[in-house]
Structure formats: structure tokens, C-alpha cells
PDB file of N, CA and C in Angstrom:
ATOM      1  N   MET A   1      42.147 131.467 289.518  1.00  0.00           N
ATOM      2  CA  MET A   1      41.232 131.731 288.441  1.00  0.00           C
ATOM      3  C   MET A   1      40.881 133.216 288.469  1.00  0.00           C
ATOM      4  N   CYS A   2      41.150 133.930 287.439  1.00  0.00           N
ATOM      5  CA  CYS A   2      40.970 135.374 287.461  1.00  0.00           C
ATOM      6  C   CYS A   2      39.532 135.805 287.157  1.00  0.00           C
ATOM      7  N   TRP A   3      38.705 134.975 286.507  1.00  0.00           N
ATOM      8  CA  TRP A   3      37.340 135.387 286.174  1.00  0.00           C
ATOM      9  C   TRP A   3      36.337 135.034 287.256  1.00  0.00           C
ATOM     10  N   ARG A   4      36.689 134.168 288.195  1.00  0.00           N
ATOM     11  CA  ARG A   4      35.827 133.743 289.289  1.00  0.00           C
ATOM     12  C   ARG A   4      34.517 133.161 288.765  1.00  0.00           C
ATOM     13  N   LEU A   5      34.632 132.205 287.853  1.00  0.00           N
ATOM     14  CA  LEU A   5      33.484 131.520 287.278  1.00  0.00           C
ATOM     15  C   LEU A   5      33.547 130.041 287.605  1.00  0.00           C
ATOM     16  N   ARG A   6      32.392 129.412 287.697  1.00  0.00           N
ATOM     17  CA  ARG A   6      32.369 127.961 287.846  1.00  0.00           C
ATOM     18  C   ARG A   6      31.130 127.426 287.139  1.00  0.00           C
ATOM     19  N   LEU A   7      31.217 126.182 286.729  1.00  0.00           N
ATOM     20  CA  LEU A   7      30.124 125.511 286.046  1.00  0.00           C
ATOM     21  C   LEU A   7      29.355 124.692 287.073  1.00  0.00           C
ATOM     22  N   GLU A   8      28.075 124.998 287.244  1.00  0.00           N
ATOM     23  CA  GLU A   8      27.232 124.239 288.163  1.00  0.00           C
ATOM     24  C   GLU A   8      26.325 123.335 287.345  1.00  0.00           C
ATOM     25  N   THR A   9      26.191 122.098 287.801  1.00  0.00           N
ATOM     26  CA  THR A   9      25.345 121.137 287.104  1.00  0.00           C
ATOM     27  C   THR A   9      24.372 120.499 288.080  1.00  0.00           C
ATOM     28  N   GLU A  10      23.302 119.964 287.525  1.00  0.00           N
ATOM     29  CA  GLU A  10      22.305 119.284 288.342  1.00  0.00           C
ATOM     30  C   GLU A  10      22.812 117.910 288.780  1.00  0.00           C
ATOM     31  N   GLU A  11      23.660 117.311 287.987  1.00  0.00           N
ATOM     32  CA  GLU A  11      24.271 116.024 288.311  1.00  0.00           C
ATOM     33  C   GLU A  11      25.669 116.006 287.702  1.00  0.00           C
ATOM     34  N   TRP A  12      26.316 114.857 287.653  1.00  0.00           N
ATOM     35  CA  TRP A  12      27.663 114.745 287.116  1.00  0.00           C
ATOM     36  C   TRP A  12      27.728 115.270 285.682  1.00  0.00           C
ATOM     37  N   PHE A  13      28.706 116.118 285.363  1.00  0.00           N
ATOM     38  CA  PHE A  13      28.856 116.681 284.021  1.00  0.00           C
ATOM     39  C   PHE A  13      29.613 115.676 283.159  1.00  0.00           C
ATOM     40  N   SER A  14      28.903 115.020 282.260  1.00  0.00           N
ATOM     41  CA  SER A  14      29.461 113.942 281.445  1.00  0.00           C
ATOM     42  C   SER A  14      29.885 114.458 280.071  1.00  0.00           C
ATOM     43  N   ARG A  15      30.430 113.560 279.286  1.00  0.00           N
ATOM     44  CA  ARG A  15      30.796 113.915 277.907  1.00  0.00           C
ATOM     45  C   ARG A  15      29.557 114.254 277.086  1.00  0.00           C
ATOM     46  N   VAL A  16      28.481 113.552 277.347  1.00  0.00           N
ATOM     47  CA  VAL A  16      27.230 113.834 276.648  1.00  0.00           C
ATOM     48  C   VAL A  16      26.759 115.247 276.994  1.00  0.00           C
ATOM     49  N   SER A  17      26.849 115.634 278.247  1.00  0.00           N
ATOM     50  CA  SER A  17      26.475 116.993 278.660  1.00  0.00           C
ATOM     51  C   SER A  17      27.368 118.026 277.984  1.00  0.00           C
ATOM     52  N   ALA A  18      28.652 117.722 277.883  1.00  0.00           N
ATOM     53  CA  ALA A  18      29.584 118.644 277.221  1.00  0.00           C
ATOM     54  C   ALA A  18      29.235 118.789 275.745  1.00  0.00           C
ATOM     55  N   LEU A  19      28.897 117.670 275.097  1.00  0.00           N
ATOM     56  CA  LEU A  19      28.507 117.733 273.685  1.00  0.00           C
ATOM     57  C   LEU A  19      27.199 118.498 273.505  1.00  0.00           C
ATOM     58  N   LEU A  20      26.237 118.285 274.393  1.00  0.00           N
ATOM     59  CA  LEU A  20      24.984 119.026 274.315  1.00  0.00           C
ATOM     60  C   LEU A  20      25.224 120.515 274.501  1.00  0.00           C
ATOM     61  N   ARG A  21      26.127 120.849 275.410  1.00  0.00           N
ATOM     62  CA  ARG A  21      26.472 122.256 275.623  1.00  0.00           C
ATOM     63  C   ARG A  21      27.115 122.847 274.367  1.00  0.00           C
ATOM     64  N   PHE A  22      28.014 122.093 273.748  1.00  0.00           N
ATOM     65  CA  PHE A  22      28.686 122.542 272.531  1.00  0.00           C
ATOM     66  C   PHE A  22      27.688 122.724 271.386  1.00  0.00           C
ATOM     67  N   TYR A  23      26.815 121.726 271.180  1.00  0.00           N
ATOM     68  CA  TYR A  23      25.854 121.811 270.084  1.00  0.00           C
ATOM     69  C   TYR A  23      24.788 122.877 270.345  1.00  0.00           C
ATOM     70  N   GLY A  24      24.449 123.102 271.588  1.00  0.00           N
ATOM     71  CA  GLY A  24      23.544 124.202 271.921  1.00  0.00           C
ATOM     72  C   GLY A  24      24.162 125.549 271.577  1.00  0.00           C
ATOM     73  N   GLU A  25      25.448 125.657 271.810  1.00  0.00           N
ATOM     74  CA  GLU A  25      26.171 126.885 271.448  1.00  0.00           C
ATOM     75  C   GLU A  25      26.186 127.078 269.929  1.00  0.00           C
ATOM     76  N   LEU A  26      26.455 126.004 269.200  1.00  0.00           N
ATOM     77  CA  LEU A  26      26.424 126.082 267.731  1.00  0.00           C
ATOM     78  C   LEU A  26      25.037 126.450 267.224  1.00  0.00           C
ATOM     79  N   LEU A  27      24.018 125.843 267.802  1.00  0.00           N
ATOM     80  CA  LEU A  27      22.644 126.152 267.415  1.00  0.00           C
ATOM     81  C   LEU A  27      22.327 127.621 267.665  1.00  0.00           C
ATOM     82  N   SER A  28      22.825 128.155 268.748  1.00  0.00           N
ATOM     83  CA  SER A  28      22.611 129.567 269.064  1.00  0.00           C
ATOM     84  C   SER A  28      23.257 130.472 268.029  1.00  0.00           C
ATOM     85  N   ILE A  29      24.428 130.096 267.562  1.00  0.00           N
ATOM     86  CA  ILE A  29      25.140 130.900 266.566  1.00  0.00           C
ATOM     87  C   ILE A  29      24.470 130.796 265.200  1.00  0.00           C
ATOM     88  N   VAL A  30      24.084 129.575 264.810  1.00  0.00           N
ATOM     89  CA  VAL A  30      23.483 129.337 263.493  1.00  0.00           C
ATOM     90  C   VAL A  30      22.140 130.055 263.354  1.00  0.00           C
ATOM     91  N   THR A  31      21.406 130.186 264.441  1.00  0.00           N
ATOM     92  CA  THR A  31      20.091 130.841 264.397  1.00  0.00           C
ATOM     93  C   THR A  31      20.202 132.347 264.625  1.00  0.00           C
ATOM     94  N   VAL A  32      21.245 132.924 264.109  1.00  0.00           N
ATOM     95  CA  VAL A  32      21.488 134.361 264.195  1.00  0.00           C
ATOM     96  C   VAL A  32      21.506 134.809 265.659  1.00  0.00           C
ATOM     97  N   GLU A  33      22.140 133.976 266.473  1.00  0.00           N
ATOM     98  CA  GLU A  33      22.389 134.241 267.883  1.00  0.00           C
ATOM     99  C   GLU A  33      21.129 134.424 268.720  1.00  0.00           C
ATOM    100  N   LEU A  34      20.062 133.728 268.346  1.00  0.00           N
ATOM    101  CA  LEU A  34      18.832 133.766 269.139  1.00  0.00           C
ATOM    102  C   LEU A  34      19.025 133.134 270.514  1.00  0.00           C
ATOM    103  N   GLY A  35      19.940 132.165 270.599  1.00  0.00           N
ATOM    104  CA  GLY A  35      20.218 131.543 271.897  1.00  0.00           C
ATOM    105  C   GLY A  35      20.805 132.523 272.890  1.00  0.00           C
ATOM    106  N   TYR A  36      21.551 133.494 272.398  1.00  0.00           N
ATOM    107  CA  TYR A  36      22.104 134.531 273.275  1.00  0.00           C
ATOM    108  C   TYR A  36      21.011 135.510 273.699  1.00  0.00           C
ATOM    109  N   CYS A  37      20.105 135.822 272.787  1.00  0.00           N
ATOM    110  CA  CYS A  37      18.982 136.704 273.124  1.00  0.00           C
ATOM    111  C   CYS A  37      18.051 136.035 274.126  1.00  0.00           C
ATOM    112  N   TRP A  38      18.006 134.709 274.105  1.00  0.00           N
ATOM    113  CA  TRP A  38      17.168 133.964 275.033  1.00  0.00           C
ATOM    114  C   TRP A  38      17.557 134.244 276.492  1.00  0.00           C
ATOM    115  N   ILE A  39      18.803 134.579 276.732  1.00  0.00           N
ATOM    116  CA  ILE A  39      19.273 134.882 278.088  1.00  0.00           C
ATOM    117  C   ILE A  39      18.473 136.046 278.680  1.00  0.00           C
ATOM    118  N   TRP A  40      18.094 137.010 277.863  1.00  0.00           N
ATOM    119  CA  TRP A  40      17.319 138.154 278.353  1.00  0.00           C
ATOM    120  C   TRP A  40      15.895 137.758 278.727  1.00  0.00           C
ATOM    121  N   ILE A  41      15.370 136.708 278.086  1.00  0.00           N
ATOM    122  CA  ILE A  41      13.992 136.279 278.300  1.00  0.00           C
ATOM    123  C   ILE A  41      13.878 135.303 279.467  1.00  0.00           C
ATOM    124  N   ASP A  42      14.847 134.401 279.590  1.00  0.00           N
ATOM    125  CA  ASP A  42      14.801 133.339 280.594  1.00  0.00           C
ATOM    126  C   ASP A  42      14.932 133.907 282.006  1.00  0.00           C
ATOM    127  N   LYS A  43      14.086 133.432 282.921  1.00  0.00           N
ATOM    128  CA  LYS A  43      14.120 133.980 284.286  1.00  0.00           C
ATOM    129  C   LYS A  43      15.404 133.620 285.027  1.00  0.00           C
ATOM    130  N   ASP A  44      16.035 132.484 284.684  1.00  0.00           N
ATOM    131  CA  ASP A  44      17.293 132.084 285.307  1.00  0.00           C
ATOM    132  C   ASP A  44      18.512 132.574 284.541  1.00  0.00           C
ATOM    133  N   ARG A  45      18.277 133.325 283.459  1.00  0.00           N
ATOM    134  CA  ARG A  45      19.331 133.887 282.606  1.00  0.00           C
ATOM    135  C   ARG A  45      20.242 132.782 282.054  1.00  0.00           C
ATOM    136  N   ARG A  46      19.615 131.714 281.577  1.00  0.00           N
ATOM    137  CA  ARG A  46      20.354 130.590 280.986  1.00  0.00           C
ATOM    138  C   ARG A  46      20.158 130.595 279.485  1.00  0.00           C
ATOM    139  N   GLY A  47      21.230 130.325 278.757  1.00  0.00           N
ATOM    140  CA  GLY A  47      21.159 130.201 277.311  1.00  0.00           C
ATOM    141  C   GLY A  47      20.693 128.812 276.915  1.00  0.00           C
ATOM    142  N   TRP A  48      20.502 128.605 275.616  1.00  0.00           N
ATOM    143  CA  TRP A  48      20.059 127.300 275.135  1.00  0.00           C
ATOM    144  C   TRP A  48      21.041 126.209 275.521  1.00  0.00           C
ATOM    145  N   TRP A  49      22.339 126.511 275.473  1.00  0.00           N
ATOM    146  CA  TRP A  49      23.359 125.516 275.792  1.00  0.00           C
ATOM    147  C   TRP A  49      23.285 125.108 277.256  1.00  0.00           C
ATOM    148  N   ASP A  50      22.927 126.040 278.125  1.00  0.00           N
ATOM    149  CA  ASP A  50      22.753 125.709 279.538  1.00  0.00           C
ATOM    150  C   ASP A  50      21.547 124.797 279.740  1.00  0.00           C
ATOM    151  N   SER A  51      20.453 125.127 279.078  1.00  0.00           N
ATOM    152  CA  SER A  51      19.238 124.331 279.210  1.00  0.00           C
ATOM    153  C   SER A  51      19.422 122.920 278.672  1.00  0.00           C
ATOM    154  N   LEU A  52      20.087 122.800 277.531  1.00  0.00           N
ATOM    155  CA  LEU A  52      20.306 121.479 276.932  1.00  0.00           C
ATOM    156  C   LEU A  52      21.199 120.590 277.788  1.00  0.00           C
ATOM    157  N   SER A  53      22.223 121.173 278.384  1.00  0.00           N
ATOM    158  CA  SER A  53      23.194 120.365 279.138  1.00  0.00           C
ATOM    159  C   SER A  53      22.863 120.252 280.624  1.00  0.00           C
ATOM    160  N   GLY A  54      21.843 120.968 281.086  1.00  0.00           N
ATOM    161  CA  GLY A  54      21.499 120.924 282.502  1.00  0.00           C
ATOM    162  C   GLY A  54      22.547 121.579 283.382  1.00  0.00           C
ATOM    163  N   SER A  55      23.191 122.609 282.868  1.00  0.00           N
ATOM    164  CA  SER A  55      24.255 123.287 283.614  1.00  0.00           C
ATOM    165  C   SER A  55      24.080 124.793 283.502  1.00  0.00           C
ATOM    166  N   ARG A  56      24.927 125.502 284.225  1.00  0.00           N
ATOM    167  CA  ARG A  56      24.980 126.954 284.098  1.00  0.00           C
ATOM    168  C   ARG A  56      26.296 127.460 284.648  1.00  0.00           C
ATOM    169  N   VAL A  57      26.741 128.582 284.129  1.00  0.00           N
ATOM    170  CA  VAL A  57      27.976 129.203 284.589  1.00  0.00           C
ATOM    171  C   VAL A  57      27.601 130.253 285.629  1.00  0.00           C
ATOM    172  N   VAL A  58      28.278 130.197 286.767  1.00  0.00           N
ATOM    173  CA  VAL A  58      27.973 131.097 287.877  1.00  0.00           C
ATOM    174  C   VAL A  58      29.221 131.889 288.220  1.00  0.00           C
ATOM    175  N   ARG A  59      29.053 133.190 288.408  1.00  0.00           N
ATOM    176  CA  ARG A  59      30.153 134.042 288.856  1.00  0.00           C
ATOM    177  C   ARG A  59      30.061 134.137 290.373  1.00  0.00           C
ATOM    178  N   TYR A  60      31.167 133.927 291.048  1.00  0.00           N
ATOM    179  CA  TYR A  60      31.161 134.006 292.502  1.00  0.00           C
ATOM    180  C   TYR A  60      31.997 135.178 292.966  1.00  0.00           C
ATOM    181  N   ARG A  61      31.704 135.617 294.163  1.00  0.00           N
ATOM    182  CA  ARG A  61      32.370 136.801 294.716  1.00  0.00           C
ATOM    183  C   ARG A  61      33.815 136.505 295.079  1.00  0.00           C
ATOM    184  N   LYS A  62      34.580 137.551 295.114  1.00  0.00           N
ATOM    185  CA  LYS A  62      35.970 137.436 295.535  1.00  0.00           C
ATOM    186  C   LYS A  62      36.021 136.992 296.982  1.00  0.00           C
ATOM    187  N   GLY A  63      36.922 136.086 297.278  1.00  0.00           N
ATOM    188  CA  GLY A  63      37.063 135.580 298.624  1.00  0.00           C
ATOM    189  C   GLY A  63      36.263 134.319 298.886  1.00  0.00           C
ATOM    190  N   VAL A  64      35.411 133.921 297.935  1.00  0.00           N
ATOM    191  CA  VAL A  64      34.629 132.703 298.074  1.00  0.00           C
ATOM    192  C   VAL A  64      35.316 131.613 297.283  1.00  0.00           C
ATOM    193  N   SER A  65      35.471 130.449 297.869  1.00  0.00           N
ATOM    194  CA  SER A  65      36.168 129.345 297.214  1.00  0.00           C
ATOM    195  C   SER A  65      35.358 128.822 296.022  1.00  0.00           C
ATOM    196  N   ALA A  66      36.036 128.489 294.936  1.00  0.00           N
ATOM    197  CA  ALA A  66      35.383 127.953 293.744  1.00  0.00           C
ATOM    198  C   ALA A  66      34.979 126.512 293.918  1.00  0.00           C
ATOM    199  N   ASN A  67      35.566 125.821 294.871  1.00  0.00           N
ATOM    200  CA  ASN A  67      35.256 124.395 295.042  1.00  0.00           C
ATOM    201  C   ASN A  67      34.135 124.207 295.953  1.00  0.00           C
TER     202      ASN A  67
END
């Protein structure tokens, strides 16, 4: 994996979580990208799609296993 990213979730990432993540992303775009601006405000730097799905994307250092 060249970007060294992984999706962390609070529990099992289900289809419902994936749909919530997708619709949160759409909501962010439809509202003139306010969901992206929310990342600057949120202390955990999570967008609306992360909050809705209970997940977040984490970048890990080189040499650290993604699993």
C-alpha cells in the first residue's frame, strides 16, 4: 500500500457503516463542503462521514504494519 492509510472503526465495519460513510460524504459535498471544513473544527480531525460511520482514516508511519 503506497499511501500507508488504514480505516479504524470502533466495532466491525458493516455495510450500514459503509453506507453511512458514503451518505456523510455526499452530505458534506451538497452543503458546499461544510463537512470538509468541519475537520478543522473537530478535535479528532474527523469529518461528518467519520462521525456518522464511527470510523476514521489513519495514516501510519513507514515500517509499521497496516494489520
